[in-house]
Amino acid sequence: MKTVNVHEAKTNFSSLLAAVETAGGSFIICRNGEPVADLVPHKCANRLRVHPELSRIRIQYNPIEPASETEWPKKFR
């Protein structure tokens, strides 16, 4: 990771973003020599992975079984 100060980051923000976007570089932005923020490439979440809490859900009936006439309110029939 390359270190840049706040003034340099502000002045060259577009070029820093381009470096992160194209080369996958990372930067540490410092104020008075102390790290303040990291400028790193964005990582997209894997939307195909099942959330661990979903494995705890248990359905006690067949969700594709048709409902009987008594299970539906009259106003929705």
N, C-alpha and C. Protein backbone atom coordinates (compact mmCIF):
# COMPACT_ATOMS: atom_id res chain seq x y z
N MET A 1 0.84 -1.19 0.00
CA MET A 1 0.00 0.00 0.00
C MET A 1 0.88 1.24 0.00
N LYS A 2 0.53 2.16 -0.85
CA LYS A 2 1.25 3.41 -0.91
C LYS A 2 0.58 4.41 0.04
N THR A 3 1.39 5.26 0.67
CA THR A 3 0.87 6.25 1.60
C THR A 3 0.87 7.62 0.95
N VAL A 4 -0.26 8.33 1.08
CA VAL A 4 -0.37 9.70 0.58
C VAL A 4 -0.97 10.57 1.68
N ASN A 5 -0.61 11.85 1.67
CA ASN A 5 -1.20 12.74 2.67
C ASN A 5 -2.53 13.27 2.16
N VAL A 6 -3.30 13.90 3.02
CA VAL A 6 -4.64 14.36 2.68
C VAL A 6 -4.61 15.35 1.53
N HIS A 7 -3.68 16.28 1.55
CA HIS A 7 -3.61 17.29 0.49
C HIS A 7 -3.33 16.63 -0.86
N GLU A 8 -2.38 15.70 -0.89
CA GLU A 8 -2.06 15.01 -2.15
C GLU A 8 -3.25 14.18 -2.62
N ALA A 9 -3.94 13.52 -1.69
CA ALA A 9 -5.11 12.72 -2.05
C ALA A 9 -6.22 13.59 -2.61
N LYS A 10 -6.42 14.76 -2.00
CA LYS A 10 -7.46 15.67 -2.48
C LYS A 10 -7.11 16.22 -3.85
N THR A 11 -5.85 16.57 -4.05
CA THR A 11 -5.41 17.15 -5.31
C THR A 11 -5.45 16.12 -6.45
N ASN A 12 -5.07 14.88 -6.15
CA ASN A 12 -4.96 13.85 -7.19
C ASN A 12 -5.99 12.74 -7.02
N PHE A 13 -7.15 13.08 -6.52
CA PHE A 13 -8.14 12.06 -6.21
C PHE A 13 -8.54 11.24 -7.44
N SER A 14 -8.76 11.90 -8.57
CA SER A 14 -9.16 11.19 -9.79
C SER A 14 -8.09 10.20 -10.24
N SER A 15 -6.83 10.61 -10.17
CA SER A 15 -5.77 9.70 -10.60
C SER A 15 -5.60 8.55 -9.60
N LEU A 16 -5.82 8.81 -8.31
CA LEU A 16 -5.77 7.73 -7.32
C LEU A 16 -6.88 6.72 -7.57
N LEU A 17 -8.08 7.23 -7.87
CA LEU A 17 -9.19 6.33 -8.19
C LEU A 17 -8.91 5.51 -9.44
N ALA A 18 -8.31 6.15 -10.43
CA ALA A 18 -7.97 5.43 -11.66
C ALA A 18 -6.96 4.32 -11.37
N ALA A 19 -5.98 4.60 -10.51
CA ALA A 19 -4.98 3.60 -10.16
C ALA A 19 -5.61 2.43 -9.41
N VAL A 20 -6.55 2.73 -8.54
CA VAL A 20 -7.26 1.67 -7.80
C VAL A 20 -8.11 0.86 -8.76
N GLU A 21 -8.77 1.54 -9.67
CA GLU A 21 -9.69 0.88 -10.61
C GLU A 21 -8.95 -0.01 -11.61
N THR A 22 -7.89 0.49 -12.19
CA THR A 22 -7.21 -0.26 -13.25
C THR A 22 -6.21 -1.28 -12.72
N ALA A 23 -5.37 -0.88 -11.79
CA ALA A 23 -4.30 -1.76 -11.32
C ALA A 23 -4.66 -2.48 -10.03
N GLY A 24 -5.79 -2.12 -9.43
CA GLY A 24 -6.15 -2.74 -8.16
C GLY A 24 -5.28 -2.29 -7.01
N GLY A 25 -4.66 -1.10 -7.17
CA GLY A 25 -3.79 -0.57 -6.12
C GLY A 25 -4.55 -0.15 -4.89
N SER A 26 -3.83 0.04 -3.80
CA SER A 26 -4.43 0.47 -2.54
C SER A 26 -3.60 1.61 -1.98
N PHE A 27 -4.26 2.56 -1.32
CA PHE A 27 -3.58 3.71 -0.74
C PHE A 27 -4.04 3.92 0.69
N ILE A 28 -3.10 4.38 1.51
CA ILE A 28 -3.42 4.80 2.88
C ILE A 28 -3.35 6.32 2.87
N ILE A 29 -4.42 6.95 3.29
CA ILE A 29 -4.47 8.42 3.35
C ILE A 29 -4.16 8.83 4.78
N CYS A 30 -3.15 9.69 4.93
CA CYS A 30 -2.68 10.09 6.26
C CYS A 30 -2.87 11.59 6.49
N ARG A 31 -3.12 11.96 7.74
CA ARG A 31 -3.16 13.36 8.16
C ARG A 31 -2.12 13.49 9.26
N ASN A 32 -1.16 14.39 9.05
CA ASN A 32 -0.06 14.60 9.99
C ASN A 32 0.69 13.29 10.28
N GLY A 33 0.85 12.46 9.26
CA GLY A 33 1.59 11.22 9.40
C GLY A 33 0.82 10.07 10.02
N GLU A 34 -0.43 10.30 10.44
CA GLU A 34 -1.27 9.27 11.05
C GLU A 34 -2.29 8.76 10.03
N PRO A 35 -2.43 7.46 9.86
CA PRO A 35 -3.42 6.92 8.92
C PRO A 35 -4.84 7.32 9.30
N VAL A 36 -5.59 7.78 8.29
CA VAL A 36 -6.96 8.21 8.50
C VAL A 36 -7.94 7.29 7.75
N ALA A 37 -7.57 6.91 6.52
CA ALA A 37 -8.48 6.10 5.70
C ALA A 37 -7.69 5.24 4.73
N ASP A 38 -8.34 4.19 4.25
CA ASP A 38 -7.78 3.33 3.22
C ASP A 38 -8.59 3.52 1.95
N LEU A 39 -7.91 3.64 0.84
CA LEU A 39 -8.56 3.70 -0.47
C LEU A 39 -8.23 2.38 -1.15
N VAL A 40 -9.22 1.49 -1.20
CA VAL A 40 -9.01 0.13 -1.70
C VAL A 40 -10.08 -0.19 -2.74
N PRO A 41 -9.84 -1.17 -3.60
CA PRO A 41 -10.86 -1.57 -4.58
C PRO A 41 -12.11 -2.11 -3.89
N HIS A 42 -13.25 -1.84 -4.49
CA HIS A 42 -14.53 -2.32 -3.96
C HIS A 42 -14.66 -3.81 -4.24
N LYS A 43 -15.14 -4.56 -3.25
CA LYS A 43 -15.37 -5.99 -3.42
C LYS A 43 -16.88 -6.23 -3.44
N CYS A 44 -17.37 -6.76 -4.54
CA CYS A 44 -18.79 -7.06 -4.67
C CYS A 44 -19.13 -8.31 -3.84
N ALA A 45 -20.26 -8.25 -3.21
CA ALA A 45 -20.71 -9.39 -2.41
C ALA A 45 -21.13 -10.53 -3.34
N ASN A 46 -20.86 -11.74 -2.93
CA ASN A 46 -21.29 -12.90 -3.70
C ASN A 46 -22.76 -13.14 -3.38
N ARG A 47 -23.62 -12.82 -4.32
CA ARG A 47 -25.05 -12.93 -4.08
C ARG A 47 -25.57 -14.35 -4.23
N LEU A 48 -24.73 -15.27 -4.69
CA LEU A 48 -25.16 -16.65 -4.86
C LEU A 48 -24.95 -17.47 -3.60
N ARG A 49 -24.19 -16.97 -2.67
CA ARG A 49 -23.93 -17.68 -1.42
C ARG A 49 -25.15 -17.56 -0.50
N VAL A 50 -25.55 -18.66 0.07
CA VAL A 50 -26.72 -18.68 0.96
C VAL A 50 -26.34 -18.08 2.31
N HIS A 51 -27.20 -17.22 2.83
CA HIS A 51 -26.96 -16.62 4.14
C HIS A 51 -27.05 -17.72 5.20
N PRO A 52 -26.13 -17.75 6.17
CA PRO A 52 -26.13 -18.84 7.15
C PRO A 52 -27.40 -18.93 8.00
N GLU A 53 -28.09 -17.83 8.20
CA GLU A 53 -29.32 -17.87 9.00
C GLU A 53 -30.44 -18.61 8.29
N LEU A 54 -30.40 -18.66 6.95
CA LEU A 54 -31.47 -19.33 6.22
C LEU A 54 -31.48 -20.83 6.48
N SER A 55 -30.35 -21.40 6.82
CA SER A 55 -30.31 -22.84 7.09
C SER A 55 -31.00 -23.20 8.40
N ARG A 56 -31.27 -22.21 9.23
CA ARG A 56 -31.94 -22.47 10.51
C ARG A 56 -33.46 -22.46 10.39
N ILE A 57 -34.00 -22.00 9.28
CA ILE A 57 -35.45 -21.91 9.09
C ILE A 57 -36.01 -23.29 8.78
N ARG A 58 -37.04 -23.67 9.50
CA ARG A 58 -37.70 -24.95 9.27
C ARG A 58 -39.18 -24.69 9.00
N ILE A 59 -39.69 -25.19 7.87
CA ILE A 59 -41.10 -25.03 7.52
C ILE A 59 -41.80 -26.33 7.88
N GLN A 60 -42.89 -26.21 8.63
CA GLN A 60 -43.58 -27.39 9.14
C GLN A 60 -44.74 -27.84 8.24
N TYR A 61 -44.79 -27.37 7.00
CA TYR A 61 -45.84 -27.77 6.08
C TYR A 61 -45.27 -27.76 4.66
N ASN A 62 -46.04 -28.27 3.72
CA ASN A 62 -45.63 -28.28 2.33
C ASN A 62 -46.05 -26.94 1.70
N PRO A 63 -45.11 -26.05 1.36
CA PRO A 63 -45.47 -24.72 0.88
C PRO A 63 -46.12 -24.72 -0.51
N ILE A 64 -46.03 -25.82 -1.25
CA ILE A 64 -46.66 -25.85 -2.58
C ILE A 64 -47.99 -26.60 -2.57
N GLU A 65 -48.42 -27.05 -1.41
CA GLU A 65 -49.72 -27.72 -1.29
C GLU A 65 -50.83 -26.70 -1.46
N PRO A 66 -51.84 -26.98 -2.26
CA PRO A 66 -52.92 -26.02 -2.46
C PRO A 66 -53.71 -25.81 -1.16
N ALA A 67 -54.17 -24.59 -0.96
CA ALA A 67 -54.95 -24.26 0.24
C ALA A 67 -56.41 -24.66 0.03
N SER A 68 -57.04 -25.09 1.10
CA SER A 68 -58.45 -25.47 1.03
C SER A 68 -59.33 -24.23 1.09
N GLU A 69 -60.61 -24.41 0.81
CA GLU A 69 -61.56 -23.29 0.84
C GLU A 69 -61.64 -22.67 2.23
N THR A 70 -61.49 -23.48 3.28
CA THR A 70 -61.61 -22.96 4.64
C THR A 70 -60.38 -22.17 5.08
N GLU A 71 -59.26 -22.36 4.39
CA GLU A 71 -58.04 -21.66 4.77
C GLU A 71 -57.96 -20.25 4.17
N TRP A 72 -58.81 -19.95 3.18
CA TRP A 72 -58.79 -18.62 2.56
C TRP A 72 -59.97 -17.81 3.10
N PRO A 73 -59.76 -16.58 3.50
CA PRO A 73 -60.89 -15.74 3.92
C PRO A 73 -61.83 -15.51 2.73
N LYS A 74 -63.11 -15.36 3.02
CA LYS A 74 -64.12 -15.21 1.97
C LYS A 74 -63.84 -14.01 1.07
N LYS A 75 -63.30 -12.93 1.63
CA LYS A 75 -63.08 -11.73 0.82
C LYS A 75 -61.97 -11.91 -0.22
N PHE A 76 -61.12 -12.94 -0.08
CA PHE A 76 -60.05 -13.18 -1.04
C PHE A 76 -60.38 -14.31 -2.03
N ARG A 77 -61.53 -14.95 -1.88
CA ARG A 77 -61.91 -16.05 -2.79
C ARG A 77 -62.41 -15.52 -4.08
